[in-house]
Protein backbone atom coordinates (compact mmCIF):
# COMPACT_ATOMS: atom_id res chain seq x y z
CA MET A 1 2.52 5.44 38.21
CA GLN A 2 4.92 4.08 35.59
CA LEU A 3 2.17 1.93 34.06
CA TYR A 4 0.27 5.16 33.30
CA LYS A 5 3.30 6.54 31.41
CA ILE A 6 3.63 3.42 29.30
CA ASN A 7 -0.05 3.44 28.36
CA SER A 8 -0.03 7.13 27.42
CA THR A 9 3.10 6.60 25.31
CA ILE A 10 1.53 3.69 23.46
CA LEU A 11 -1.67 5.67 22.98
CA THR A 12 0.28 8.62 21.58
CA GLY A 13 2.06 6.38 19.06
CA LEU A 14 -1.13 4.65 17.96
CA LEU A 15 -2.90 7.98 17.57
CA GLY A 16 -0.10 9.38 15.41
CA VAL A 17 -0.05 6.35 13.13
CA SER A 18 -3.86 6.33 12.91
CA ILE A 19 -3.96 9.97 11.84
CA ILE A 20 -1.43 9.35 9.07
CA ILE A 21 -3.20 6.20 7.84
CA TYR A 22 -6.54 8.03 7.82
CA GLY A 23 -4.99 10.82 5.73
CA VAL A 24 -3.57 8.37 3.21
CA ILE A 25 -6.80 6.38 2.86
CA PHE A 26 -9.00 9.47 2.63
CA SER A 27 -6.71 11.11 0.06
CA TYR A 28 -6.32 8.16 -2.26
CA SER A 29 -10.06 7.41 -2.30
CA GLY A 30 -10.74 10.41 -4.54
CA TYR A 31 -7.38 10.70 -6.29
CA THR A 32 -7.44 11.12 -10.05
CA GLY A 33 -3.94 12.43 -10.66
CA CYS A 34 -2.57 14.76 -13.32
CA THR A 35 -3.02 12.14 -16.03
CA GLY A 36 -6.54 11.21 -14.93
CA LYS A 37 -5.59 7.78 -13.56
CA GLU A 38 -6.79 6.48 -10.22
CA TYR A 39 -4.25 6.08 -7.44
CA SER A 40 -2.50 2.73 -7.06
CA PHE A 41 0.15 1.90 -4.48
CA LEU A 42 1.96 -0.10 -7.16
CA ASN A 43 2.14 2.70 -9.74
CA HIS A 44 2.31 5.91 -7.68
CA PHE A 45 4.41 7.30 -4.87
CA VAL A 46 2.67 8.17 -1.60
CA SER A 47 4.03 11.72 -1.90
CA GLU A 48 1.87 12.27 -5.01
CA LEU A 49 -1.15 12.47 -2.70
CA GLY A 50 0.25 15.73 -1.33
CA GLN A 51 0.66 17.54 -4.65
CA TYR A 52 -1.74 20.45 -4.82
CA LYS A 53 -1.96 20.55 -8.61
CA CYS A 54 -2.80 16.84 -9.02
CA SER A 55 -4.61 15.76 -5.87
CA PRO A 56 -7.92 17.38 -4.84
CA LYS A 57 -7.48 16.25 -1.23
CA ALA A 58 -3.83 17.27 -0.85
CA ASN A 59 -4.62 19.56 2.10
CA ILE A 60 -6.02 16.67 4.13
CA PHE A 61 -3.04 14.45 3.33
CA ASN A 62 -0.49 17.12 4.21
CA LEU A 63 -2.27 18.07 7.44
CA SER A 64 -2.51 14.43 8.48
CA LEU A 65 1.26 14.10 8.07
CA ILE A 66 1.87 17.22 10.16
CA PHE A 67 -0.48 16.30 13.01
CA GLY A 68 0.42 12.62 12.94
CA THR A 69 4.10 13.49 13.25
CA LEU A 70 3.37 15.77 16.20
CA PHE A 71 1.96 12.75 18.04
CA LEU A 72 4.79 10.46 16.94
CA ILE A 73 7.61 12.69 18.20
CA PRO A 74 6.86 12.07 21.91
CA TYR A 75 6.37 8.38 21.16
CA TYR A 76 9.83 8.08 19.59
CA LEU A 77 11.50 10.11 22.35
């Protein structure tokens, strides 16, 4: 019975991280920014993907953070 709890906890953590990574990758693939430059992890902050005025896919990024965090909370507890 305890083995089932460990597996569901690990699955919950992996699912939460996967949702957030998917949101980041999907958002930066079409990012042009306010200045018209493409997104680069070296030149931009990750939070810039969630700005509505600069990022066309900000909704997807912000929702991925919300839903990914909902799965990570039980994992951390």
